[in-house]
């Protein structure tokens, strides 16, 4: 039996930081996103990476550019707190066709298990055309925690990460069929939405 071919996917990853984009310090967001997604997905991935400052119009323009370039998923990191320069959620909502509030709610629930300041985070997720755009936290450790969720010492899932719902969401908006490595993050789909080996 021939091996199942996995759909190719284009993913936009955007790190939003005044200081990193101007070279004051090294950006750690883009490598963290690329590393996690490469570990999590069976699919062949083309990454579209952007490192940009905390400018609302520029963030919105970048998100639109990535959606128009065919990115089925766009993940941002940075700029989601209450500081004056933190405008990523506003820039994301400005380009939304639909808001997906469950993602932000679950991210804060996960992060609250680690730090009480998680209630200060304002991450949002939206759908634009056939793309899902999600704001993630700024720290690489928090990025992995919110995507993967919480596991116990035996790697049993205690709290689902948000990425478990991403593949089915992308199915519903007409994107490629994302397949995850279960040991990193097991995607959830209703039985009737699971692709069989022959398809």
C-alpha atoms as a PDB file:
ATOM      1  CA  UNK A   1       0.000   0.000   0.000  1.00  0.00           C
ATOM      2  CA  UNK A   2       1.430   3.364  -0.942  1.00  0.00           C
ATOM      3  CA  UNK A   3       2.243   5.884   1.759  1.00  0.00           C
ATOM      4  CA  UNK A   4      -0.382   8.565   2.363  1.00  0.00           C
ATOM      5  CA  UNK A   5       0.524  11.831   0.703  1.00  0.00           C
ATOM      6  CA  UNK A   6       0.201  14.796   3.029  1.00  0.00           C
ATOM      7  CA  UNK A   7      -1.198  18.080   1.734  1.00  0.00           C
ATOM      8  CA  UNK A   8       1.396  20.807   1.317  1.00  0.00           C
ATOM      9  CA  UNK A   9       0.686  23.864   3.450  1.00  0.00           C
ATOM     10  CA  UNK A  10       1.903  27.443   3.458  1.00  0.00           C
ATOM     11  CA  UNK A  11       2.141  28.995   6.935  1.00  0.00           C
ATOM     12  CA  UNK A  12       2.810  32.622   7.775  1.00  0.00           C
ATOM     13  CA  UNK A  13       4.817  33.303  10.938  1.00  0.00           C
ATOM     14  CA  UNK A  14       5.116  36.883  12.164  1.00  0.00           C
ATOM     15  CA  UNK A  15       7.218  38.177  15.058  1.00  0.00           C
ATOM     16  CA  UNK A  16       6.118  41.629  16.185  1.00  0.00           C
ATOM     17  CA  UNK A  17       8.692  43.600  18.175  1.00  0.00           C
ATOM     18  CA  UNK A  18      10.107  47.118  17.899  1.00  0.00           C
ATOM     19  CA  UNK A  19      13.438  46.114  19.416  1.00  0.00           C
ATOM     20  CA  UNK A  20      13.961  42.796  17.623  1.00  0.00           C
ATOM     21  CA  UNK A  21      12.954  44.266  14.254  1.00  0.00           C
ATOM     22  CA  UNK A  22      15.464  47.116  14.710  1.00  0.00           C
ATOM     23  CA  UNK A  23      18.275  44.724  15.692  1.00  0.00           C
ATOM     24  CA  UNK A  24      18.489  45.660  19.399  1.00  0.00           C
ATOM     25  CA  UNK A  25      18.209  41.984  20.286  1.00  0.00           C
ATOM     26  CA  UNK A  26      17.856  38.681  18.479  1.00  0.00           C
ATOM     27  CA  UNK A  27      14.343  37.565  17.617  1.00  0.00           C
ATOM     28  CA  UNK A  28      13.469  34.244  19.230  1.00  0.00           C
ATOM     29  CA  UNK A  29       9.813  34.110  18.165  1.00  0.00           C
ATOM     30  CA  UNK A  30      10.231  33.050  14.535  1.00  0.00           C
ATOM     31  CA  UNK A  31      12.671  30.176  15.277  1.00  0.00           C
ATOM     32  CA  UNK A  32      10.365  28.958  18.086  1.00  0.00           C
ATOM     33  CA  UNK A  33       7.305  28.953  15.812  1.00  0.00           C
ATOM     34  CA  UNK A  34       9.120  27.255  12.944  1.00  0.00           C
ATOM     35  CA  UNK A  35      10.638  24.606  15.220  1.00  0.00           C
ATOM     36  CA  UNK A  36       7.312  23.740  16.885  1.00  0.00           C
ATOM     37  CA  UNK A  37       5.335  23.565  13.640  1.00  0.00           C
ATOM     38  CA  UNK A  38       8.001  21.401  11.984  1.00  0.00           C
ATOM     39  CA  UNK A  39       7.809  18.982  14.915  1.00  0.00           C
ATOM     40  CA  UNK A  40       4.012  19.028  15.106  1.00  0.00           C
ATOM     41  CA  UNK A  41       2.985  18.528  11.475  1.00  0.00           C
ATOM     42  CA  UNK A  42       3.438  15.667   8.998  1.00  0.00           C
ATOM     43  CA  UNK A  43       2.635  18.073   6.159  1.00  0.00           C
ATOM     44  CA  UNK A  44       5.357  19.588   3.985  1.00  0.00           C
ATOM     45  CA  UNK A  45       5.459  23.257   5.064  1.00  0.00           C
ATOM     46  CA  UNK A  46       6.485  26.402   3.228  1.00  0.00           C
ATOM     47  CA  UNK A  47       7.088  29.183   5.752  1.00  0.00           C
ATOM     48  CA  UNK A  48       6.532  32.859   5.037  1.00  0.00           C
ATOM     49  CA  UNK A  49       8.426  34.657   7.847  1.00  0.00           C
ATOM     50  CA  UNK A  50       8.155  38.332   8.809  1.00  0.00           C
ATOM     51  CA  UNK A  51       9.865  40.334  11.572  1.00  0.00           C
ATOM     52  CA  UNK A  52       8.113  43.679  11.969  1.00  0.00           C
ATOM     53  CA  UNK A  53       7.752  46.545  14.481  1.00  0.00           C
ATOM     54  CA  UNK A  54       4.745  47.255  16.727  1.00  0.00           C
ATOM     55  CA  UNK A  55       2.893  49.423  14.188  1.00  0.00           C
ATOM     56  CA  UNK A  56      -0.812  48.664  13.853  1.00  0.00           C
ATOM     57  CA  UNK A  57      -1.189  49.529  10.162  1.00  0.00           C
ATOM     58  CA  UNK A  58       1.974  47.604   9.288  1.00  0.00           C
ATOM     59  CA  UNK A  59       0.807  44.524  11.190  1.00  0.00           C
ATOM     60  CA  UNK A  60      -2.589  44.579   9.459  1.00  0.00           C
ATOM     61  CA  UNK A  61      -0.936  45.012   6.060  1.00  0.00           C
ATOM     62  CA  UNK A  62       1.415  42.080   6.746  1.00  0.00           C
ATOM     63  CA  UNK A  63      -1.469  39.817   7.751  1.00  0.00           C
ATOM     64  CA  UNK A  64      -3.406  40.693   4.588  1.00  0.00           C
ATOM     65  CA  UNK A  65      -0.280  40.100   2.481  1.00  0.00           C
ATOM     66  CA  UNK A  66       0.234  36.627   3.986  1.00  0.00           C
ATOM     67  CA  UNK A  67      -3.429  35.656   3.525  1.00  0.00           C
ATOM     68  CA  UNK A  68      -3.298  36.848  -0.088  1.00  0.00           C
ATOM     69  CA  UNK A  69      -0.078  34.837  -0.583  1.00  0.00           C
ATOM     70  CA  UNK A  70      -2.023  31.658   0.204  1.00  0.00           C
ATOM     71  CA  UNK A  71      -1.109  31.045   3.852  1.00  0.00           C
ATOM     72  CA  UNK A  72      -3.808  28.795   5.345  1.00  0.00           C
ATOM     73  CA  UNK A  73      -2.511  29.533   8.832  1.00  0.00           C
ATOM     74  CA  UNK A  74      -0.838  32.701  10.122  1.00  0.00           C
ATOM     75  CA  UNK A  75       0.672  32.733  13.610  1.00  0.00           C
ATOM     76  CA  UNK A  76       1.889  35.927  15.247  1.00  0.00           C
ATOM     77  CA  UNK A  77       3.997  36.314  18.376  1.00  0.00           C
ATOM     78  CA  UNK A  78       4.398  39.467  20.448  1.00  0.00           C
ATOM     79  CA  UNK A  79       2.506  42.683  21.064  1.00  0.00           C
ATOM     80  CA  UNK A  80      -0.495  41.239  22.916  1.00  0.00           C
ATOM     81  CA  UNK A  81      -0.083  42.774  26.381  1.00  0.00           C
ATOM     82  CA  UNK A  82      -1.476  46.023  27.848  1.00  0.00           C
ATOM     83  CA  UNK A  83       1.588  48.192  27.094  1.00  0.00           C
ATOM     84  CA  UNK A  84       1.037  51.280  24.923  1.00  0.00           C
ATOM     85  CA  UNK A  85       2.944  49.777  21.964  1.00  0.00           C
ATOM     86  CA  UNK A  86       1.069  46.432  22.139  1.00  0.00           C
ATOM     87  CA  UNK A  87      -1.373  46.634  19.212  1.00  0.00           C
ATOM     88  CA  UNK A  88      -1.292  43.159  17.667  1.00  0.00           C
ATOM     89  CA  UNK A  89      -4.881  42.242  18.683  1.00  0.00           C
ATOM     90  CA  UNK A  90      -6.268  45.521  17.280  1.00  0.00           C
ATOM     91  CA  UNK A  91      -4.360  45.007  14.016  1.00  0.00           C
ATOM     92  CA  UNK A  92      -5.643  41.424  13.785  1.00  0.00           C
ATOM     93  CA  UNK A  93      -9.278  42.289  14.492  1.00  0.00           C
ATOM     94  CA  UNK A  94      -9.087  45.035  11.864  1.00  0.00           C
ATOM     95  CA  UNK A  95      -8.554  42.431   9.105  1.00  0.00           C
ATOM     96  CA  UNK A  96     -11.034  39.842  10.443  1.00  0.00           C
ATOM     97  CA  UNK A  97     -14.007  38.438   8.591  1.00  0.00           C
ATOM     98  CA  UNK A  98     -14.896  36.288  11.636  1.00  0.00           C
ATOM     99  CA  UNK A  99     -13.620  36.349  15.210  1.00  0.00           C
ATOM    100  CA  UNK A 100     -12.787  33.022  16.907  1.00  0.00           C
ATOM    101  CA  UNK A 101     -12.823  33.890  20.627  1.00  0.00           C
ATOM    102  CA  UNK A 102     -12.342  30.328  21.898  1.00  0.00           C
ATOM    103  CA  UNK A 103      -8.654  30.361  20.971  1.00  0.00           C
ATOM    104  CA  UNK A 104      -7.845  33.386  23.134  1.00  0.00           C
ATOM    105  CA  UNK A 105      -9.932  32.040  26.012  1.00  0.00           C
ATOM    106  CA  UNK A 106      -8.104  28.692  25.967  1.00  0.00           C
ATOM    107  CA  UNK A 107      -4.647  30.299  25.665  1.00  0.00           C
ATOM    108  CA  UNK A 108      -5.287  32.355  28.784  1.00  0.00           C
ATOM    109  CA  UNK A 109      -6.580  29.284  30.639  1.00  0.00           C
ATOM    110  CA  UNK A 110      -3.378  27.390  29.795  1.00  0.00           C
ATOM    111  CA  UNK A 111      -1.071  30.284  30.663  1.00  0.00           C
ATOM    112  CA  UNK A 112      -2.858  30.862  33.996  1.00  0.00           C
ATOM    113  CA  UNK A 113      -1.570  27.446  35.095  1.00  0.00           C
ATOM    114  CA  UNK A 114       1.917  28.950  34.925  1.00  0.00           C
ATOM    115  CA  UNK A 115       1.653  32.690  35.665  1.00  0.00           C
ATOM    116  CA  UNK A 116      -1.056  34.896  37.218  1.00  0.00           C
ATOM    117  CA  UNK A 117      -0.216  37.662  34.731  1.00  0.00           C
ATOM    118  CA  UNK A 118      -1.799  35.563  31.949  1.00  0.00           C
ATOM    119  CA  UNK A 119      -4.959  37.595  32.532  1.00  0.00           C
ATOM    120  CA  UNK A 120      -3.096  40.566  31.024  1.00  0.00           C
ATOM    121  CA  UNK A 121      -2.744  38.830  27.661  1.00  0.00           C
ATOM    122  CA  UNK A 122      -5.103  39.905  24.888  1.00  0.00           C
ATOM    123  CA  UNK A 123      -4.464  37.306  22.172  1.00  0.00           C
ATOM    124  CA  UNK A 124      -7.207  36.924  19.580  1.00  0.00           C
ATOM    125  CA  UNK A 125      -7.833  34.596  16.656  1.00  0.00           C
ATOM    126  CA  UNK A 126      -9.723  35.401  13.476  1.00  0.00           C
ATOM    127  CA  UNK A 127     -10.636  34.005  10.092  1.00  0.00           C
ATOM    128  CA  UNK A 128      -9.919  36.054   6.984  1.00  0.00           C
ATOM    129  CA  UNK A 129     -10.960  34.462   3.692  1.00  0.00           C
ATOM    130  CA  UNK A 130      -9.606  30.879   3.890  1.00  0.00           C
ATOM    131  CA  UNK A 131      -6.964  31.650   6.504  1.00  0.00           C
ATOM    132  CA  UNK A 132      -6.879  31.246  10.265  1.00  0.00           C
ATOM    133  CA  UNK A 133      -4.848  33.956  12.048  1.00  0.00           C
ATOM    134  CA  UNK A 134      -3.864  33.395  15.687  1.00  0.00           C
ATOM    135  CA  UNK A 135      -1.989  35.726  18.066  1.00  0.00           C
ATOM    136  CA  UNK A 136       0.375  33.770  20.320  1.00  0.00           C
ATOM    137  CA  UNK A 137       2.339  34.905  23.398  1.00  0.00           C
ATOM    138  CA  UNK A 138       5.764  36.469  22.980  1.00  0.00           C
ATOM    139  CA  UNK A 139       7.953  33.992  24.893  1.00  0.00           C
ATOM    140  CA  UNK A 140       9.102  30.779  23.123  1.00  0.00           C
ATOM    141  CA  UNK A 141       8.241  28.667  26.207  1.00  0.00           C
ATOM    142  CA  UNK A 142       4.724  30.151  26.342  1.00  0.00           C
ATOM    143  CA  UNK A 143       4.286  29.610  22.583  1.00  0.00           C
ATOM    144  CA  UNK A 144       4.886  25.861  23.009  1.00  0.00           C
ATOM    145  CA  UNK A 145       2.713  25.672  26.142  1.00  0.00           C
ATOM    146  CA  UNK A 146      -0.311  27.288  24.501  1.00  0.00           C
ATOM    147  CA  UNK A 147       0.009  25.287  21.281  1.00  0.00           C
ATOM    148  CA  UNK A 148       0.617  21.916  22.994  1.00  0.00           C
ATOM    149  CA  UNK A 149      -1.333  22.306  26.213  1.00  0.00           C
ATOM    150  CA  UNK A 150      -0.409  20.710  29.534  1.00  0.00           C
ATOM    151  CA  UNK A 151       0.825  17.154  29.936  1.00  0.00           C
ATOM    152  CA  UNK A 152       1.665  15.187  33.068  1.00  0.00           C
ATOM    153  CA  UNK A 153       4.927  13.303  33.724  1.00  0.00           C
ATOM    154  CA  UNK A 154       3.645  10.371  31.612  1.00  0.00           C
ATOM    155  CA  UNK A 155       2.812  12.751  28.717  1.00  0.00           C
ATOM    156  CA  UNK A 156      -0.937  12.329  29.319  1.00  0.00           C
ATOM    157  CA  UNK A 157      -2.851  15.403  28.178  1.00  0.00           C
ATOM    158  CA  UNK A 158      -4.217  17.379  31.136  1.00  0.00           C
ATOM    159  CA  UNK A 159      -5.345  20.517  29.297  1.00  0.00           C
ATOM    160  CA  UNK A 160      -5.665  20.521  25.476  1.00  0.00           C
ATOM    161  CA  UNK A 161      -3.502  22.987  23.602  1.00  0.00           C
ATOM    162  CA  UNK A 162      -5.122  25.261  21.069  1.00  0.00           C
ATOM    163  CA  UNK A 163      -3.455  23.533  18.108  1.00  0.00           C
ATOM    164  CA  UNK A 164      -5.635  20.442  18.666  1.00  0.00           C
ATOM    165  CA  UNK A 165      -8.506  22.449  17.138  1.00  0.00           C
ATOM    166  CA  UNK A 166      -6.539  24.147  14.345  1.00  0.00           C
ATOM    167  CA  UNK A 167      -6.616  21.386  11.673  1.00  0.00           C
ATOM    168  CA  UNK A 168     -10.409  20.978  11.847  1.00  0.00           C
ATOM    169  CA  UNK A 169     -10.902  24.742  11.781  1.00  0.00           C
ATOM    170  CA  UNK A 170      -8.787  24.902   8.621  1.00  0.00           C
ATOM    171  CA  UNK A 171     -10.880  22.041   7.135  1.00  0.00           C
ATOM    172  CA  UNK A 172     -14.035  24.066   7.762  1.00  0.00           C
ATOM    173  CA  UNK A 173     -12.722  27.171   6.006  1.00  0.00           C
ATOM    174  CA  UNK A 174     -11.560  25.226   2.944  1.00  0.00           C
ATOM    175  CA  UNK A 175      -7.848  24.836   3.644  1.00  0.00           C
ATOM    176  CA  UNK A 176      -5.483  21.856   3.351  1.00  0.00           C
ATOM    177  CA  UNK A 177      -5.818  18.754   5.545  1.00  0.00           C
ATOM    178  CA  UNK A 178      -3.319  19.175   8.384  1.00  0.00           C
ATOM    179  CA  UNK A 179      -2.015  16.028  10.058  1.00  0.00           C
ATOM    180  CA  UNK A 180      -0.231  16.196  13.392  1.00  0.00           C
ATOM    181  CA  UNK A 181       2.319  14.055  15.184  1.00  0.00           C
ATOM    182  CA  UNK A 182       0.229  12.776  18.084  1.00  0.00           C
ATOM    183  CA  UNK A 183       3.169  12.799  20.508  1.00  0.00           C
ATOM    184  CA  UNK A 184       3.475  16.577  20.020  1.00  0.00           C
ATOM    185  CA  UNK A 185      -0.189  17.546  19.652  1.00  0.00           C
ATOM    186  CA  UNK A 186      -3.068  15.242  18.747  1.00  0.00           C
ATOM    187  CA  UNK A 187      -5.519  16.974  16.419  1.00  0.00           C
ATOM    188  CA  UNK A 188      -9.209  16.457  17.121  1.00  0.00           C
ATOM    189  CA  UNK A 189     -11.752  15.957  14.354  1.00  0.00           C
ATOM    190  CA  UNK A 190     -15.264  14.503  14.410  1.00  0.00           C
ATOM    191  CA  UNK A 191     -15.198  10.935  13.049  1.00  0.00           C
ATOM    192  CA  UNK A 192     -16.879  11.963   9.789  1.00  0.00           C
ATOM    193  CA  UNK A 193     -14.123  14.541   9.141  1.00  0.00           C
ATOM    194  CA  UNK A 194     -11.187  12.127   9.503  1.00  0.00           C
ATOM    195  CA  UNK A 195      -9.533  11.306   6.192  1.00  0.00           C
ATOM    196  CA  UNK A 196      -8.990   7.595   5.653  1.00  0.00           C
ATOM    197  CA  UNK A 197      -5.710   6.187   4.318  1.00  0.00           C
ATOM    198  CA  UNK A 198      -7.116   5.654   0.801  1.00  0.00           C
ATOM    199  CA  UNK A 199      -8.328   9.239   0.323  1.00  0.00           C
END
